[in-house]
Each structure stands twice: as structure tokens, then as C-alpha cells.
């Protein structure tokens, strides 16, 4: 007697593959995750770099006046900040300034060593939180100016109205405006997210079309 053994096919041969593998969805998700990770890393790195740089700003913690020097290699755009102590209650005047968003109205004046006023424009420079010798400082950009090498005096008019005895305003600071940073990480993140979206859409469409063809027996 001849024994007939059933033929067992591999699991993948027992099902009809309809279109691209579902693994392409994993590829799409990986691209999205990579894009968001790159974007987060870029933003966090930029914020950390700027906060670290802010620790070395020229600053005055009292009196509303700061004398600073622009060296030969530092000529160009300088930005000016009002600084507060994190966690302290802000005066309504300070809070109203912060609520304006950016750019803010020019709040400071700058004079050169001859006493001549320097034109100060609105600033969109970054905001910072920096650890200084006097403690932590939150900085808010309130002006910028083009400065050649020389000695300058930065003044916050009506300092007493802003500081209320130092309870709301820690002081003022000045430093070269930050240089522009490469934008390729942002472009790469956007490209990765777009590629992930296209991968998912193409996979869905091809699988749908394959299912429709199988349903009509093609």
C-alpha cells in the first residue's frame, strides 16, 4: 500500500501577498522617528549652545548702566538684553514687555565714548537662561545696534521703574548677536518626514490596488 503524506506548505505560501510588504510601514515610521529625533537634537543643541554663550556676556546687575568694549574682532551687530532672576515675581511693567513677544520695542540707549547716541533697532535675538557668577539669569532681547570697535555705554532709562529695588529686574547685558547656524539639519528632518509620509502613502495605495485586483480575479 502506498502511503500518501499531506504536503504542508510554508506559512508564507499559504497566503496571497497583496502588494508591498507591511514592512514598508515600519520603514515609514522609522523615517518619521528619525526626523523628529534630528529636529529635537538640533533644537536642544542650539539652545544649550546659546545658553552657554550667554554665561560670558558683559552684564551689569545694578544701576541700569553697563560699560563694555567692542574689540577689533567683535565689530558688527550687537544685541542687548534685560535680565531677570528665574522664579521671581515680575513687575507688571516687565511682564507687559515680555507679553509683547518678539521683536520688542527698544528699551535701552547706547552711547559711544564721546557721548554720541548710537541708533538702536528692535531685536529678534534669542532668549537665554544662563548661570552667572551672580546666579541664574533669564535674558530677553530688547535692542541691537551696529557697533565698530570702541567703548560704549548701555543704559536702561528709568531703571528704578523697571527694577523696583532689584526685585523684578536683575540687570542688563550686551554681546555680539549670534551668528547664523546651518539649516541643513532642518532640511534633513523635513525631507525624512516627507519621505516617510510618501512611503506610507505609496504602500497603502499599492496594497489597496492589489487587493482590488485579487477581488476581481485578475
Protein backbone atom coordinates (compact mmCIF):
# COMPACT_ATOMS: atom_id res chain seq x y z
CA UNK A 1 0.00 0.00 0.00
CA UNK A 2 1.24 3.40 -0.89
CA UNK A 3 1.01 5.95 1.88
CA UNK A 4 0.08 9.43 0.83
CA UNK A 5 1.56 12.16 3.05
CA UNK A 6 -0.09 15.57 3.09
CA UNK A 7 2.03 18.30 1.73
CA UNK A 8 2.47 21.17 4.17
CA UNK A 9 3.46 24.40 2.53
CA UNK A 10 5.41 27.10 4.31
CA UNK A 11 3.17 29.63 6.00
CA UNK A 12 4.13 32.36 3.59
CA UNK A 13 2.95 30.24 0.64
CA UNK A 14 -0.50 29.72 2.16
CA UNK A 15 -1.42 33.40 1.83
CA UNK A 16 -1.58 35.59 -1.19
CA UNK A 17 0.71 38.58 -0.90
CA UNK A 18 -1.25 41.65 -1.83
CA UNK A 19 1.09 44.41 -2.82
CA UNK A 20 4.21 45.55 -0.96
CA UNK A 21 5.17 44.01 2.35
CA UNK A 22 3.85 45.60 5.54
CA UNK A 23 7.50 46.10 6.50
CA UNK A 24 7.37 49.30 4.46
CA UNK A 25 5.15 50.75 7.19
CA UNK A 26 8.00 50.15 9.62
CA UNK A 27 10.31 51.97 7.24
CA UNK A 28 7.93 54.94 7.18
CA UNK A 29 7.69 55.01 10.97
CA UNK A 30 11.49 54.80 11.25
CA UNK A 31 11.84 57.80 8.93
CA UNK A 32 9.35 59.83 10.97
CA UNK A 33 11.05 58.95 14.25
CA UNK A 34 14.44 59.80 12.79
CA UNK A 35 13.19 63.14 11.50
CA UNK A 36 11.71 64.14 14.87
CA UNK A 37 14.82 62.97 16.71
CA UNK A 38 17.02 65.06 14.41
CA UNK A 39 14.77 68.09 14.87
CA UNK A 40 14.75 67.73 18.65
CA UNK A 41 18.51 67.20 18.80
CA UNK A 42 19.13 70.27 16.65
CA UNK A 43 16.86 72.48 18.75
CA UNK A 44 18.23 71.23 22.04
CA UNK A 45 21.83 71.61 20.87
CA UNK A 46 21.19 75.16 19.67
CA UNK A 47 19.51 76.15 22.93
CA UNK A 48 22.32 74.66 25.01
CA UNK A 49 24.98 76.37 22.90
CA UNK A 50 23.33 79.77 23.19
CA UNK A 51 22.70 79.45 26.92
CA UNK A 52 26.34 78.50 27.47
CA UNK A 53 27.46 81.51 25.43
CA UNK A 54 25.19 83.81 27.46
CA UNK A 55 27.14 82.99 30.62
CA UNK A 56 30.03 85.07 29.24
CA UNK A 57 28.05 88.18 28.29
CA UNK A 58 29.09 91.60 29.53
CA UNK A 59 26.47 92.42 32.19
CA UNK A 60 25.60 94.78 35.00
CA UNK A 61 23.40 93.61 37.83
CA UNK A 62 22.71 97.03 39.35
CA UNK A 63 22.17 100.62 38.36
CA UNK A 64 20.89 100.19 34.82
CA UNK A 65 24.23 101.12 33.21
CA UNK A 66 26.86 98.94 31.58
CA UNK A 67 30.15 99.99 30.03
CA UNK A 68 31.52 97.47 27.55
CA UNK A 69 34.23 97.30 24.92
CA UNK A 70 33.97 96.09 21.33
CA UNK A 71 37.34 94.73 20.27
CA UNK A 72 38.73 94.72 16.73
CA UNK A 73 37.43 91.22 16.09
CA UNK A 74 33.96 91.86 17.54
CA UNK A 75 32.73 94.72 15.36
CA UNK A 76 29.29 94.18 13.86
CA UNK A 77 25.80 93.60 15.21
CA UNK A 78 25.49 93.62 18.99
CA UNK A 79 22.36 92.66 20.90
CA UNK A 80 21.18 93.93 24.29
CA UNK A 81 19.16 92.09 26.91
CA UNK A 82 17.17 92.79 30.04
CA UNK A 83 17.74 90.01 32.56
CA UNK A 84 15.54 88.72 35.36
CA UNK A 85 16.07 86.16 38.09
CA UNK A 86 14.19 82.90 37.34
CA UNK A 87 11.33 82.28 39.74
CA UNK A 88 10.99 85.85 40.98
CA UNK A 89 7.73 87.73 40.64
CA UNK A 90 7.94 90.17 37.76
CA UNK A 91 6.65 93.71 37.95
CA UNK A 92 3.67 94.50 35.68
CA UNK A 93 5.98 96.69 33.59
CA UNK A 94 8.36 93.79 32.96
CA UNK A 95 5.57 91.30 32.34
CA UNK A 96 3.90 93.64 29.85
CA UNK A 97 7.21 93.87 27.97
CA UNK A 98 7.51 90.07 27.84
CA UNK A 99 3.91 89.68 26.69
CA UNK A 100 4.70 91.71 23.55
CA UNK A 101 6.56 88.75 22.08
CA UNK A 102 9.34 89.49 19.62
CA UNK A 103 10.54 91.87 18.38
CA UNK A 104 10.04 94.14 21.37
CA UNK A 105 10.18 97.91 21.49
CA UNK A 106 13.65 99.37 22.02
CA UNK A 107 14.09 99.83 25.77
CA UNK A 108 17.77 100.79 26.01
CA UNK A 109 20.08 103.53 24.78
CA UNK A 110 23.70 103.22 23.67
CA UNK A 111 26.34 105.97 23.55
CA UNK A 112 29.92 105.82 22.31
CA UNK A 113 32.97 107.05 24.24
CA UNK A 114 32.35 110.60 23.02
CA UNK A 115 28.79 110.54 24.34
CA UNK A 116 27.18 110.32 20.91
CA UNK A 117 23.99 108.28 20.70
CA UNK A 118 24.12 105.11 18.62
CA UNK A 119 20.96 104.10 16.70
CA UNK A 120 19.37 101.06 18.35
CA UNK A 121 16.87 98.89 16.49
CA UNK A 122 14.41 96.22 17.59
CA UNK A 123 15.97 92.82 18.11
CA UNK A 124 14.84 89.25 17.48
CA UNK A 125 17.90 87.77 19.19
CA UNK A 126 17.49 84.60 21.20
CA UNK A 127 16.30 84.47 24.80
CA UNK A 128 18.51 82.70 27.29
CA UNK A 129 18.82 81.17 30.72
CA UNK A 130 22.41 81.28 31.90
CA UNK A 131 24.34 80.52 35.07
CA UNK A 132 26.49 83.53 36.03
CA UNK A 133 28.68 84.43 38.99
CA UNK A 134 25.68 86.24 40.46
CA UNK A 135 23.24 83.36 39.93
CA UNK A 136 20.86 82.26 37.21
CA UNK A 137 19.62 84.83 34.72
CA UNK A 138 16.80 84.84 32.18
CA UNK A 139 17.58 87.21 29.31
CA UNK A 140 15.15 88.99 26.98
CA UNK A 141 16.43 90.79 23.87
CA UNK A 142 15.35 94.47 23.78
CA UNK A 143 17.53 96.03 21.09
CA UNK A 144 20.51 95.71 18.76
CA UNK A 145 22.95 98.03 17.02
CA UNK A 146 25.83 98.03 14.57
CA UNK A 147 28.98 98.79 16.58
CA UNK A 148 32.53 99.33 15.32
CA UNK A 149 35.40 98.70 17.77
CA UNK A 150 35.35 101.07 20.71
CA UNK A 151 33.99 101.64 24.21
CA UNK A 152 30.25 102.02 24.72
CA UNK A 153 27.76 102.65 27.49
CA UNK A 154 24.46 100.78 27.59
CA UNK A 155 21.73 102.43 29.66
CA UNK A 156 18.25 101.39 30.70
CA UNK A 157 16.32 104.65 31.21
CA UNK A 158 14.08 104.81 34.29
CA UNK A 159 15.85 101.81 35.74
CA UNK A 160 14.09 102.19 39.10
CA UNK A 161 10.69 101.77 37.43
CA UNK A 162 11.87 98.51 35.91
CA UNK A 163 13.74 97.10 38.88
CA UNK A 164 11.72 98.15 41.96
CA UNK A 165 14.77 97.78 44.13
CA UNK A 166 16.06 94.75 42.24
CA UNK A 167 13.08 92.53 42.98
CA UNK A 168 11.99 92.15 39.37
CA UNK A 169 14.92 93.05 37.14
CA UNK A 170 18.38 91.57 37.66
CA UNK A 171 20.17 93.86 35.18
CA UNK A 172 21.22 94.37 31.58
CA UNK A 173 23.65 92.58 29.28
CA UNK A 174 25.36 93.10 25.92
CA UNK A 175 27.09 90.73 23.49
CA UNK A 176 27.65 90.17 19.77
CA UNK A 177 24.50 88.91 18.10
CA UNK A 178 24.71 85.16 17.44
CA UNK A 179 25.90 84.11 14.01
CA UNK A 180 23.51 82.27 11.75
CA UNK A 181 23.60 78.50 12.03
CA UNK A 182 23.45 75.90 9.23
CA UNK A 183 19.94 74.93 8.28
CA UNK A 184 20.75 71.53 6.76
CA UNK A 185 19.54 69.62 9.88
CA UNK A 186 16.12 71.26 9.50
CA UNK A 187 16.06 70.43 5.78
CA UNK A 188 17.12 66.85 6.51
CA UNK A 189 14.41 66.47 9.16
CA UNK A 190 11.75 67.84 6.80
CA UNK A 191 12.99 65.57 3.99
CA UNK A 192 12.93 62.50 6.24
CA UNK A 193 9.40 63.20 7.43
CA UNK A 194 8.20 63.79 3.86
CA UNK A 195 9.88 60.61 2.62
CA UNK A 196 8.25 58.66 5.45
CA UNK A 197 4.84 60.06 4.53
CA UNK A 198 5.30 59.21 0.85
CA UNK A 199 6.47 55.70 1.74
CA UNK A 200 3.34 55.09 3.80
CA UNK A 201 1.00 56.54 1.14
CA UNK A 202 2.56 54.55 -1.70
CA UNK A 203 2.42 51.36 0.34
CA UNK A 204 -1.24 51.88 1.21
CA UNK A 205 -2.16 52.65 -2.40
CA UNK A 206 -0.30 49.68 -3.90
CA UNK A 207 -1.72 47.26 -1.34
CA UNK A 208 -5.22 48.61 -1.95
CA UNK A 209 -4.89 48.20 -5.71
CA UNK A 210 -3.53 44.66 -5.30
CA UNK A 211 -6.49 43.77 -3.08
CA UNK A 212 -8.93 45.15 -5.63
CA UNK A 213 -7.31 43.15 -8.47
CA UNK A 214 -7.41 39.97 -6.38
CA UNK A 215 -11.10 40.53 -5.62
CA UNK A 216 -12.00 40.52 -9.33
CA UNK A 217 -9.76 37.53 -10.03
CA UNK A 218 -7.09 39.26 -12.10
